[in-house]
Amino acid sequence: MSIPRLSTLSVLTSLCLAPPAHTAEFRSTYSETLNCPVTEEGDDAYIRECIGPGNVRAVLQYVEGLFGVFYLPMSGKTPLQREDMLEISPNARQPYGKMLEWRQRAGDAAPCVAIIRAYTTKGEVLVLNELSTGNRIALVKTNQQARTLADRACSKSTTRATAAEAESAPSIQPPALPTENSSVASAARIGKERFLRVYIQTGISGAIEEIEQCYRDFDRQPSPAKLAECGAIDLTGADADRSVMGGMPDLQQTYLANDRPSGRIAAGMDKLGLDEDGRQAFNDELEATIGIRVAAPSQAKKESGSVFDFSQ
């Protein structure tokens, strides 16, 4: 049975979570979901990203009557499958509540559990995710149940970063730059690290901008090392996007889909004038370093359609 498309997001009459008195050990902060930017949008589908304490990001995904949430960077390699998503009530004004709660231990810089309300076909539920892994730990009905389970999970968590430690360490440190004489392997390691730093801070859109800038730098001063750095960012970005959007290929970024990164790497090797042996050696070293396959040029697929084409 198809589920009618939800109406435009509207203001609810009450908050998602009524914040009760907190204990001395735990505290809560909140993100207003309707103020979180929409990063992807299509016919009966959209994605919002909310940034919480400690730069943890919640990705709120609605697709054709289904709602799912995952958290970055801890869930970056955990695909969100359709069966993991919740079916939203056709009578709901929106799929999830106005407030996303971040539960923290006193003195910690980052939250340990996130809680959001979802309006499902089985009634309202609170969705709890433990943030050291990003795994969902419970679906409960009441605020008290959610708080009890959240605080229990926070007590068991072993990752504690103090606010002082977070302030003393920069959120992003610039990676070392490869020199013209760097090996393909060392440049690829730098590229992979560069992607991870940017992705954690700005998400996939920021990573794509980083890839584009890297190739512009390569065009100005071509070298095998620079191509290896750009190729590592490109391939790692595509791999992360596939993992996050696993089971829903139509939501993958067009720029990173269908072996397009491999096509850009092949174009770079053309610019360098590498022969077949040189291409094979380059690809072998790049693949061995980052653990991701470089597709043959003949496998690259033509760009077509929208990332939100749900007609198939």
Foldseek 3Di string as FASTA:
>chain_A
DFADQADDADDDPDFQDDDDDDDLFKDKDKDFQVPFDWPDDDDSWTWGWDADFPRKIKIWITHRQWTDIFIPDLCLQAADARVNTAGAHSPDNDFWGRIKMFMPTPQARHGQKIWIWGHGPVGIWIWIAGPVRRHTDDTHDDPVVVVVVRVVRNVPDDDGHGPVNSVVDDLADQFDADDLPDDLLVLLVNLLNNLVSQCSNPNLVSLVVVLVVLVVVCVVPPHLSSLSSSLSSLQNSLSSQCSHNPNQQLQGDLCNPQLNSLVVSVVSCVVVVDDPVRVVVSQVSSCVNNVGHRDDPVRGDDRDDHSSPPPD
